[in-house]
Amino acid sequence: MKTKILPLLFTALLFAGCVGTPFKWSDARRIEVGMTTQQVESILGKPLTMASKEDREVWAWNYGTGLGNGGYFAVEIKDGKVVEVPKIPEKLK
């Protein structure tokens, strides 16, 4: 019985770590208004999602633990440059 449970547990833990887009909050804090999309991608990698909002694009990176905790970090882009960056709470490390 134990031999069947261990592979299932290992597989579940493996997939739990794969939720979201891996990035560091310290890197997200480096994003500033005026940066180009190339600069943002070089710091955070490609966004998980991109959407249109009026005359802007919203680039988002998701994060999560696979245990119901998570959210997203998103920046707004206009004409190839960052125009809005959210404030990141200090508690997020």
PDB file of N, CA and C in Angstrom:
ATOM      1  N   MET A   1       0.824  -1.200   0.000  1.00  0.00           N
ATOM      2  CA  MET A   1       0.000   0.000   0.000  1.00  0.00           C
ATOM      3  C   MET A   1       0.865   1.260   0.000  1.00  0.00           C
ATOM      4  N   LYS A   2       1.935   1.274   0.836  1.00  0.00           N
ATOM      5  CA  LYS A   2       2.821   2.436   0.896  1.00  0.00           C
ATOM      6  C   LYS A   2       3.466   2.711  -0.450  1.00  0.00           C
ATOM      7  N   THR A   3       3.794   1.662  -1.179  1.00  0.00           N
ATOM      8  CA  THR A   3       4.481   1.854  -2.458  1.00  0.00           C
ATOM      9  C   THR A   3       3.595   2.525  -3.488  1.00  0.00           C
ATOM     10  N   LYS A   4       2.293   2.420  -3.370  1.00  0.00           N
ATOM     11  CA  LYS A   4       1.385   3.090  -4.304  1.00  0.00           C
ATOM     12  C   LYS A   4       1.139   4.538  -3.900  1.00  0.00           C
ATOM     13  N   ILE A   5       1.182   4.814  -2.624  1.00  0.00           N
ATOM     14  CA  ILE A   5       0.900   6.164  -2.136  1.00  0.00           C
ATOM     15  C   ILE A   5       2.072   7.106  -2.393  1.00  0.00           C
ATOM     16  N   LEU A   6       3.301   6.648  -2.223  1.00  0.00           N
ATOM     17  CA  LEU A   6       4.465   7.515  -2.395  1.00  0.00           C
ATOM     18  C   LEU A   6       4.562   8.116  -3.793  1.00  0.00           C
ATOM     19  N   PRO A   7       4.402   7.326  -4.876  1.00  0.00           N
ATOM     20  CA  PRO A   7       4.459   7.964  -6.205  1.00  0.00           C
ATOM     21  C   PRO A   7       3.342   8.984  -6.420  1.00  0.00           C
ATOM     22  N   LEU A   8       2.150   8.708  -5.892  1.00  0.00           N
ATOM     23  CA  LEU A   8       1.046   9.666  -6.023  1.00  0.00           C
ATOM     24  C   LEU A   8       1.341  10.951  -5.261  1.00  0.00           C
ATOM     25  N   LEU A   9       1.871  10.820  -4.063  1.00  0.00           N
ATOM     26  CA  LEU A   9       2.217  11.983  -3.257  1.00  0.00           C
ATOM     27  C   LEU A   9       3.306  12.803  -3.951  1.00  0.00           C
ATOM     28  N   PHE A  10       4.320  12.132  -4.468  1.00  0.00           N
ATOM     29  CA  PHE A  10       5.404  12.820  -5.181  1.00  0.00           C
ATOM     30  C   PHE A  10       4.856  13.589  -6.384  1.00  0.00           C
ATOM     31  N   THR A  11       3.994  12.955  -7.154  1.00  0.00           N
ATOM     32  CA  THR A  11       3.407  13.596  -8.337  1.00  0.00           C
ATOM     33  C   THR A  11       2.573  14.814  -7.944  1.00  0.00           C
ATOM     34  N   ALA A  12       1.784  14.699  -6.893  1.00  0.00           N
ATOM     35  CA  ALA A  12       0.960  15.825  -6.427  1.00  0.00           C
ATOM     36  C   ALA A  12       1.842  16.993  -5.992  1.00  0.00           C
ATOM     37  N   LEU A  13       2.919  16.718  -5.271  1.00  0.00           N
ATOM     38  CA  LEU A  13       3.813  17.788  -4.838  1.00  0.00           C
ATOM     39  C   LEU A  13       4.539  18.426  -6.015  1.00  0.00           C
ATOM     40  N   LEU A  14       4.882  17.628  -6.998  1.00  0.00           N
ATOM     41  CA  LEU A  14       5.545  18.142  -8.189  1.00  0.00           C
ATOM     42  C   LEU A  14       4.649  19.135  -8.920  1.00  0.00           C
ATOM     43  N   PHE A  15       3.382  18.771  -9.126  1.00  0.00           N
ATOM     44  CA  PHE A  15       2.460  19.667  -9.820  1.00  0.00           C
ATOM     45  C   PHE A  15       2.086  20.874  -8.971  1.00  0.00           C
ATOM     46  N   ALA A  16       2.059  20.739  -7.666  1.00  0.00           N
ATOM     47  CA  ALA A  16       1.734  21.875  -6.793  1.00  0.00           C
ATOM     48  C   ALA A  16       2.766  22.979  -6.940  1.00  0.00           C
ATOM     49  N   GLY A  17       4.008  22.624  -7.182  1.00  0.00           N
ATOM     50  CA  GLY A  17       5.051  23.627  -7.348  1.00  0.00           C
ATOM     51  C   GLY A  17       5.044  24.288  -8.712  1.00  0.00           C
ATOM     52  N   CYS A  18       4.231  23.801  -9.643  1.00  0.00           N
ATOM     53  CA  CYS A  18       4.229  24.317 -11.008  1.00  0.00           C
ATOM     54  C   CYS A  18       3.158  25.370 -11.263  1.00  0.00           C
ATOM     55  N   VAL A  19       2.417  25.738 -10.254  1.00  0.00           N
ATOM     56  CA  VAL A  19       1.338  26.703 -10.438  1.00  0.00           C
ATOM     57  C   VAL A  19       1.928  28.102 -10.514  1.00  0.00           C
ATOM     58  N   GLY A  20       1.505  28.865 -11.500  1.00  0.00           N
ATOM     59  CA  GLY A  20       1.939  30.249 -11.604  1.00  0.00           C
ATOM     60  C   GLY A  20       3.163  30.425 -12.481  1.00  0.00           C
ATOM     61  N   THR A  21       3.681  31.631 -12.456  1.00  0.00           N
ATOM     62  CA  THR A  21       4.846  32.000 -13.243  1.00  0.00           C
ATOM     63  C   THR A  21       5.978  32.291 -12.271  1.00  0.00           C
ATOM     64  N   PRO A  22       7.071  31.561 -12.353  1.00  0.00           N
ATOM     65  CA  PRO A  22       8.128  31.807 -11.370  1.00  0.00           C
ATOM     66  C   PRO A  22       8.771  33.188 -11.552  1.00  0.00           C
ATOM     67  N   PHE A  23       8.727  33.985 -10.522  1.00  0.00           N
ATOM     68  CA  PHE A  23       9.427  35.268 -10.489  1.00  0.00           C
ATOM     69  C   PHE A  23       9.670  35.612  -9.035  1.00  0.00           C
ATOM     70  N   LYS A  24      10.587  36.508  -8.806  1.00  0.00           N
ATOM     71  CA  LYS A  24      10.908  36.935  -7.451  1.00  0.00           C
ATOM     72  C   LYS A  24      10.328  38.320  -7.229  1.00  0.00           C
ATOM     73  N   TRP A  25       9.791  38.539  -6.033  1.00  0.00           N
ATOM     74  CA  TRP A  25       9.242  39.861  -5.718  1.00  0.00           C
ATOM     75  C   TRP A  25      10.324  40.927  -5.780  1.00  0.00           C
ATOM     76  N   SER A  26      11.545  40.565  -5.437  1.00  0.00           N
ATOM     77  CA  SER A  26      12.644  41.542  -5.532  1.00  0.00           C
ATOM     78  C   SER A  26      12.830  41.983  -6.985  1.00  0.00           C
ATOM     79  N   ASP A  27      12.619  41.066  -7.936  1.00  0.00           N
ATOM     80  CA  ASP A  27      12.698  41.434  -9.353  1.00  0.00           C
ATOM     81  C   ASP A  27      11.506  42.299  -9.759  1.00  0.00           C
ATOM     82  N   ALA A  28      10.317  41.939  -9.290  1.00  0.00           N
ATOM     83  CA  ALA A  28       9.117  42.720  -9.629  1.00  0.00           C
ATOM     84  C   ALA A  28       9.255  44.159  -9.131  1.00  0.00           C
ATOM     85  N   ARG A  29       9.912  44.336  -7.991  1.00  0.00           N
ATOM     86  CA  ARG A  29      10.109  45.690  -7.451  1.00  0.00           C
ATOM     87  C   ARG A  29      11.054  46.529  -8.315  1.00  0.00           C
ATOM     88  N   ARG A  30      11.813  45.909  -9.187  1.00  0.00           N
ATOM     89  CA  ARG A  30      12.729  46.632 -10.079  1.00  0.00           C
ATOM     90  C   ARG A  30      12.015  47.268 -11.269  1.00  0.00           C
ATOM     91  N   ILE A  31      10.773  46.837 -11.538  1.00  0.00           N
ATOM     92  CA  ILE A  31      10.026  47.355 -12.683  1.00  0.00           C
ATOM     93  C   ILE A  31       9.596  48.790 -12.387  1.00  0.00           C
ATOM     94  N   GLU A  32       9.868  49.683 -13.332  1.00  0.00           N
ATOM     95  CA  GLU A  32       9.550  51.105 -13.146  1.00  0.00           C
ATOM     96  C   GLU A  32       8.818  51.664 -14.356  1.00  0.00           C
ATOM     97  N   VAL A  33       8.040  52.706 -14.108  1.00  0.00           N
ATOM     98  CA  VAL A  33       7.374  53.421 -15.191  1.00  0.00           C
ATOM     99  C   VAL A  33       8.449  53.930 -16.151  1.00  0.00           C
ATOM    100  N   GLY A  34       8.176  53.770 -17.449  1.00  0.00           N
ATOM    101  CA  GLY A  34       9.106  54.225 -18.473  1.00  0.00           C
ATOM    102  C   GLY A  34       9.964  53.118 -19.062  1.00  0.00           C
ATOM    103  N   MET A  35      10.028  51.967 -18.376  1.00  0.00           N
ATOM    104  CA  MET A  35      10.805  50.849 -18.919  1.00  0.00           C
ATOM    105  C   MET A  35      10.161  50.323 -20.190  1.00  0.00           C
ATOM    106  N   THR A  36      10.981  49.797 -21.087  1.00  0.00           N
ATOM    107  CA  THR A  36      10.456  49.186 -22.307  1.00  0.00           C
ATOM    108  C   THR A  36       9.987  47.763 -22.009  1.00  0.00           C
ATOM    109  N   THR A  37       9.205  47.235 -22.926  1.00  0.00           N
ATOM    110  CA  THR A  37       8.738  45.860 -22.748  1.00  0.00           C
ATOM    111  C   THR A  37       9.920  44.887 -22.743  1.00  0.00           C
ATOM    112  N   GLN A  38      10.953  45.185 -23.511  1.00  0.00           N
ATOM    113  CA  GLN A  38      12.135  44.323 -23.536  1.00  0.00           C
ATOM    114  C   GLN A  38      12.831  44.315 -22.171  1.00  0.00           C
ATOM    115  N   GLN A  39      12.902  45.467 -21.525  1.00  0.00           N
ATOM    116  CA  GLN A  39      13.514  45.540 -20.200  1.00  0.00           C
ATOM    117  C   GLN A  39      12.711  44.732 -19.184  1.00  0.00           C
ATOM    118  N   VAL A  40      11.382  44.850 -19.264  1.00  0.00           N
ATOM    119  CA  VAL A  40      10.519  44.116 -18.340  1.00  0.00           C
ATOM    120  C   VAL A  40      10.699  42.611 -18.543  1.00  0.00           C
ATOM    121  N   GLU A  41      10.684  42.168 -19.791  1.00  0.00           N
ATOM    122  CA  GLU A  41      10.858  40.739 -20.077  1.00  0.00           C
ATOM    123  C   GLU A  41      12.223  40.239 -19.633  1.00  0.00           C
ATOM    124  N   SER A  42      13.246  41.069 -19.735  1.00  0.00           N
ATOM    125  CA  SER A  42      14.573  40.621 -19.316  1.00  0.00           C
ATOM    126  C   SER A  42      14.644  40.428 -17.801  1.00  0.00           C
ATOM    127  N   ILE A  43      13.795  41.126 -17.055  1.00  0.00           N
ATOM    128  CA  ILE A  43      13.780  40.999 -15.598  1.00  0.00           C
ATOM    129  C   ILE A  43      12.838  39.887 -15.140  1.00  0.00           C
ATOM    130  N   LEU A  44      11.606  39.866 -15.682  1.00  0.00           N
ATOM    131  CA  LEU A  44      10.582  38.937 -15.191  1.00  0.00           C
ATOM    132  C   LEU A  44      10.306  37.753 -16.111  1.00  0.00           C
ATOM    133  N   GLY A  45      10.815  37.791 -17.325  1.00  0.00           N
ATOM    134  CA  GLY A  45      10.473  36.759 -18.297  1.00  0.00           C
ATOM    135  C   GLY A  45       9.173  37.126 -18.995  1.00  0.00           C
ATOM    136  N   LYS A  46       8.752  36.255 -19.890  1.00  0.00           N
ATOM    137  CA  LYS A  46       7.508  36.513 -20.623  1.00  0.00           C
ATOM    138  C   LYS A  46       6.320  36.429 -19.667  1.00  0.00           C
ATOM    139  N   PRO A  47       5.341  37.321 -19.835  1.00  0.00           N
ATOM    140  CA  PRO A  47       4.154  37.257 -18.973  1.00  0.00           C
ATOM    141  C   PRO A  47       3.326  36.020 -19.282  1.00  0.00           C
ATOM    142  N   LEU A  48       2.614  35.551 -18.283  1.00  0.00           N
ATOM    143  CA  LEU A  48       1.723  34.408 -18.467  1.00  0.00           C
ATOM    144  C   LEU A  48       0.516  34.813 -19.306  1.00  0.00           C
ATOM    145  N   THR A  49       0.025  36.041 -19.073  1.00  0.00           N
ATOM    146  CA  THR A  49      -1.121  36.522 -19.842  1.00  0.00           C
ATOM    147  C   THR A  49      -0.901  37.970 -20.270  1.00  0.00           C
ATOM    148  N   MET A  50      -1.537  38.309 -21.383  1.00  0.00           N
ATOM    149  CA  MET A  50      -1.538  39.682 -21.883  1.00  0.00           C
ATOM    150  C   MET A  50      -2.967  39.999 -22.303  1.00  0.00           C
ATOM    151  N   ALA A  51      -3.437  41.195 -21.955  1.00  0.00           N
ATOM    152  CA  ALA A  51      -4.809  41.575 -22.303  1.00  0.00           C
ATOM    153  C   ALA A  51      -4.842  43.050 -22.685  1.00  0.00           C
ATOM    154  N   SER A  52      -5.871  43.430 -23.415  1.00  0.00           N
ATOM    155  CA  SER A  52      -6.070  44.825 -23.791  1.00  0.00           C
ATOM    156  C   SER A  52      -6.990  45.498 -22.794  1.00  0.00           C
ATOM    157  N   LYS A  53      -6.700  46.762 -22.503  1.00  0.00           N
ATOM    158  CA  LYS A  53      -7.526  47.569 -21.604  1.00  0.00           C
ATOM    159  C   LYS A  53      -7.517  48.983 -22.154  1.00  0.00           C
ATOM    160  N   GLU A  54      -8.616  49.375 -22.775  1.00  0.00           N
ATOM    161  CA  GLU A  54      -8.721  50.683 -23.418  1.00  0.00           C
ATOM    162  C   GLU A  54      -7.557  50.870 -24.383  1.00  0.00           C
ATOM    163  N   ASP A  55      -6.673  51.822 -24.125  1.00  0.00           N
ATOM    164  CA  ASP A  55      -5.552  52.073 -25.032  1.00  0.00           C
ATOM    165  C   ASP A  55      -4.241  51.470 -24.519  1.00  0.00           C
ATOM    166  N   ARG A  56      -4.350  50.506 -23.606  1.00  0.00           N
ATOM    167  CA  ARG A  56      -3.165  49.908 -22.984  1.00  0.00           C
ATOM    168  C   ARG A  56      -3.213  48.392 -23.064  1.00  0.00           C
ATOM    169  N   GLU A  57      -2.052  47.802 -22.820  1.00  0.00           N
ATOM    170  CA  GLU A  57      -1.967  46.358 -22.642  1.00  0.00           C
ATOM    171  C   GLU A  57      -1.693  46.100 -21.168  1.00  0.00           C
ATOM    172  N   VAL A  58      -2.204  44.988 -20.662  1.00  0.00           N
ATOM    173  CA  VAL A  58      -1.911  44.578 -19.298  1.00  0.00           C
ATOM    174  C   VAL A  58      -1.140  43.268 -19.383  1.00  0.00           C
ATOM    175  N   TRP A  59       0.070  43.282 -18.845  1.00  0.00           N
ATOM    176  CA  TRP A  59       0.906  42.082 -18.794  1.00  0.00           C
ATOM    177  C   TRP A  59       0.853  41.556 -17.370  1.00  0.00           C
ATOM    178  N   ALA A  60       0.605  40.245 -17.225  1.00  0.00           N
ATOM    179  CA  ALA A  60       0.460  39.670 -15.887  1.00  0.00           C
ATOM    180  C   ALA A  60       1.283  38.406 -15.721  1.00  0.00           C
ATOM    181  N   TRP A  61       1.853  38.300 -14.548  1.00  0.00           N
ATOM    182  CA  TRP A  61       2.587  37.117 -14.116  1.00  0.00           C
ATOM    183  C   TRP A  61       1.845  36.565 -12.907  1.00  0.00           C
ATOM    184  N   ASN A  62       1.434  35.311 -12.971  1.00  0.00           N
ATOM    185  CA  ASN A  62       0.724  34.684 -11.863  1.00  0.00           C
ATOM    186  C   ASN A  62       1.726  34.015 -10.931  1.00  0.00           C
ATOM    187  N   TYR A  63       1.328  33.918  -9.689  1.00  0.00           N
ATOM    188  CA  TYR A  63       2.134  33.173  -8.735  1.00  0.00           C
ATOM    189  C   TYR A  63       1.193  32.346  -7.885  1.00  0.00           C
ATOM    190  N   GLY A  64       1.696  31.292  -7.336  1.00  0.00           N
ATOM    191  CA  GLY A  64       0.870  30.466  -6.475  1.00  0.00           C
ATOM    192  C   GLY A  64       1.667  29.341  -5.866  1.00  0.00           C
ATOM    193  N   THR A  65       1.065  28.734  -4.879  1.00  0.00           N
ATOM    194  CA  THR A  65       1.721  27.622  -4.206  1.00  0.00           C
ATOM    195  C   THR A  65       1.066  26.302  -4.553  1.00  0.00           C
ATOM    196  N   GLY A  66      -0.055  26.340  -5.228  1.00  0.00           N
ATOM    197  CA  GLY A  66      -0.783  25.115  -5.513  1.00  0.00           C
ATOM    198  C   GLY A  66      -1.697  24.717  -4.367  1.00  0.00           C
ATOM    199  N   LEU A  67      -1.675  25.481  -3.294  1.00  0.00           N
ATOM    200  CA  LEU A  67      -2.495  25.170  -2.129  1.00  0.00           C
ATOM    201  C   LEU A  67      -3.579  26.217  -1.920  1.00  0.00           C
ATOM    202  N   GLY A  68      -3.960  26.884  -2.997  1.00  0.00           N
ATOM    203  CA  GLY A  68      -5.014  27.889  -2.903  1.00  0.00           C
ATOM    204  C   GLY A  68      -4.492  29.292  -2.654  1.00  0.00           C
ATOM    205  N   ASN A  69      -3.196  29.427  -2.389  1.00  0.00           N
ATOM    206  CA  ASN A  69      -2.610  30.753  -2.193  1.00  0.00           C
ATOM    207  C   ASN A  69      -2.078  31.239  -3.528  1.00  0.00           C
ATOM    208  N   GLY A  70      -2.250  32.487  -3.808  1.00  0.00           N
ATOM    209  CA  GLY A  70      -1.705  33.005  -5.054  1.00  0.00           C
ATOM    210  C   GLY A  70      -2.358  34.298  -5.449  1.00  0.00           C
ATOM    211  N   GLY A  71      -1.986  34.749  -6.596  1.00  0.00           N
ATOM    212  CA  GLY A  71      -2.506  36.001  -7.124  1.00  0.00           C
ATOM    213  C   GLY A  71      -1.744  36.344  -8.379  1.00  0.00           C
ATOM    214  N   TYR A  72      -1.588  37.625  -8.632  1.00  0.00           N
ATOM    215  CA  TYR A  72      -0.877  38.016  -9.833  1.00  0.00           C
ATOM    216  C   TYR A  72      -0.182  39.356  -9.623  1.00  0.00           C
ATOM    217  N   PHE A  73       0.791  39.599 -10.473  1.00  0.00           N
ATOM    218  CA  PHE A  73       1.490  40.880 -10.550  1.00  0.00           C
ATOM    219  C   PHE A  73       1.289  41.361 -11.977  1.00  0.00           C
ATOM    220  N   ALA A  74       0.769  42.560 -12.161  1.00  0.00           N
ATOM    221  CA  ALA A  74       0.470  43.056 -13.507  1.00  0.00           C
ATOM    222  C   ALA A  74       0.969  44.479 -13.676  1.00  0.00           C
ATOM    223  N   VAL A  75       1.457  44.758 -14.875  1.00  0.00           N
ATOM    224  CA  VAL A  75       1.865  46.114 -15.233  1.00  0.00           C
ATOM    225  C   VAL A  75       1.087  46.538 -16.466  1.00  0.00           C
ATOM    226  N   GLU A  76       0.899  47.843 -16.605  1.00  0.00           N
ATOM    227  CA  GLU A  76       0.209  48.362 -17.779  1.00  0.00           C
ATOM    228  C   GLU A  76       1.232  48.967 -18.729  1.00  0.00           C
ATOM    229  N   ILE A  77       1.056  48.654 -20.024  1.00  0.00           N
ATOM    230  CA  ILE A  77       1.982  49.050 -21.076  1.00  0.00           C
ATOM    231  C   ILE A  77       1.228  49.909 -22.102  1.00  0.00           C
ATOM    232  N   LYS A  78       1.857  50.998 -22.530  1.00  0.00           N
ATOM    233  CA  LYS A  78       1.294  51.823 -23.600  1.00  0.00           C
ATOM    234  C   LYS A  78       2.445  52.231 -24.518  1.00  0.00           C
ATOM    235  N   ASP A  79       2.256  52.024 -25.808  1.00  0.00           N
ATOM    236  CA  ASP A  79       3.271  52.373 -26.802  1.00  0.00           C
ATOM    237  C   ASP A  79       4.636  51.746 -26.476  1.00  0.00           C
ATOM    238  N   GLY A  80       4.605  50.502 -25.981  1.00  0.00           N
ATOM    239  CA  GLY A  80       5.841  49.761 -25.726  1.00  0.00           C
ATOM    240  C   GLY A  80       6.572  50.106 -24.447  1.00  0.00           C
ATOM    241  N   LYS A  81       5.930  50.931 -23.581  1.00  0.00           N
ATOM    242  CA  LYS A  81       6.578  51.320 -22.325  1.00  0.00           C
ATOM    243  C   LYS A  81       5.623  51.148 -21.146  1.00  0.00           C
ATOM    244  N   VAL A  82       6.194  50.866 -19.984  1.00  0.00           N
ATOM    245  CA  VAL A  82       5.415  50.705 -18.755  1.00  0.00           C
ATOM    246  C   VAL A  82       4.851  52.060 -18.349  1.00  0.00           C
ATOM    247  N   VAL A  83       3.531  52.099 -18.102  1.00  0.00           N
ATOM    248  CA  VAL A  83       2.899  53.349 -17.661  1.00  0.00           C
ATOM    249  C   VAL A  83       2.308  53.231 -16.256  1.00  0.00           C
ATOM    250  N   GLU A  84       2.170  51.988 -15.764  1.00  0.00           N
ATOM    251  CA  GLU A  84       1.646  51.820 -14.406  1.00  0.00           C
ATOM    252  C   GLU A  84       2.182  50.536 -13.798  1.00  0.00           C
ATOM    253  N   VAL A  85       2.663  50.659 -12.552  1.00  0.00           N
ATOM    254  CA  VAL A  85       3.199  49.531 -11.793  1.00  0.00           C
ATOM    255  C   VAL A  85       2.529  49.544 -10.423  1.00  0.00           C
ATOM    256  N   PRO A  86       1.996  48.414  -9.977  1.00  0.00           N
ATOM    257  CA  PRO A  86       1.356  48.410  -8.662  1.00  0.00           C
ATOM    258  C   PRO A  86       2.388  48.471  -7.533  1.00  0.00           C
ATOM    259  N   LYS A  87       1.971  48.998  -6.416  1.00  0.00           N
ATOM    260  CA  LYS A  87       2.821  48.992  -5.218  1.00  0.00           C
ATOM    261  C   LYS A  87       2.788  47.573  -4.654  1.00  0.00           C
ATOM    262  N   ILE A  88       3.948  47.053  -4.329  1.00  0.00           N
ATOM    263  CA  ILE A  88       4.046  45.691  -3.808  1.00  0.00           C
ATOM    264  C   ILE A  88       4.243  45.764  -2.299  1.00  0.00           C
ATOM    265  N   PRO A  89       3.349  45.152  -1.523  1.00  0.00           N
ATOM    266  CA  PRO A  89       3.493  45.181  -0.066  1.00  0.00           C
ATOM    267  C   PRO A  89       4.829  44.570   0.376  1.00  0.00           C
ATOM    268  N   GLU A  90       5.431  45.134   1.389  1.00  0.00           N
ATOM    269  CA  GLU A  90       6.713  44.665   1.901  1.00  0.00           C
ATOM    270  C   GLU A  90       6.648  43.221   2.410  1.00  0.00           C
ATOM    271  N   LYS A  91       5.467  42.771   2.836  1.00  0.00           N
ATOM    272  CA  LYS A  91       5.347  41.410   3.368  1.00  0.00           C
ATOM    273  C   LYS A  91       5.581  40.350   2.289  1.00  0.00           C
ATOM    274  N   LEU A  92       5.447  40.714   1.019  1.00  0.00           N
ATOM    275  CA  LEU A  92       5.695  39.771  -0.064  1.00  0.00           C
ATOM    276  C   LEU A  92       7.191  39.737  -0.327  1.00  0.00           C
ATOM    277  N   LYS A  93       7.768  38.611  -0.110  1.00  0.00           N
ATOM    278  CA  LYS A  93       9.226  38.473  -0.239  1.00  0.00           C
ATOM    279  C   LYS A  93       9.583  37.680  -1.454  1.00  0.00           C
TER     280      LYS A  93
END
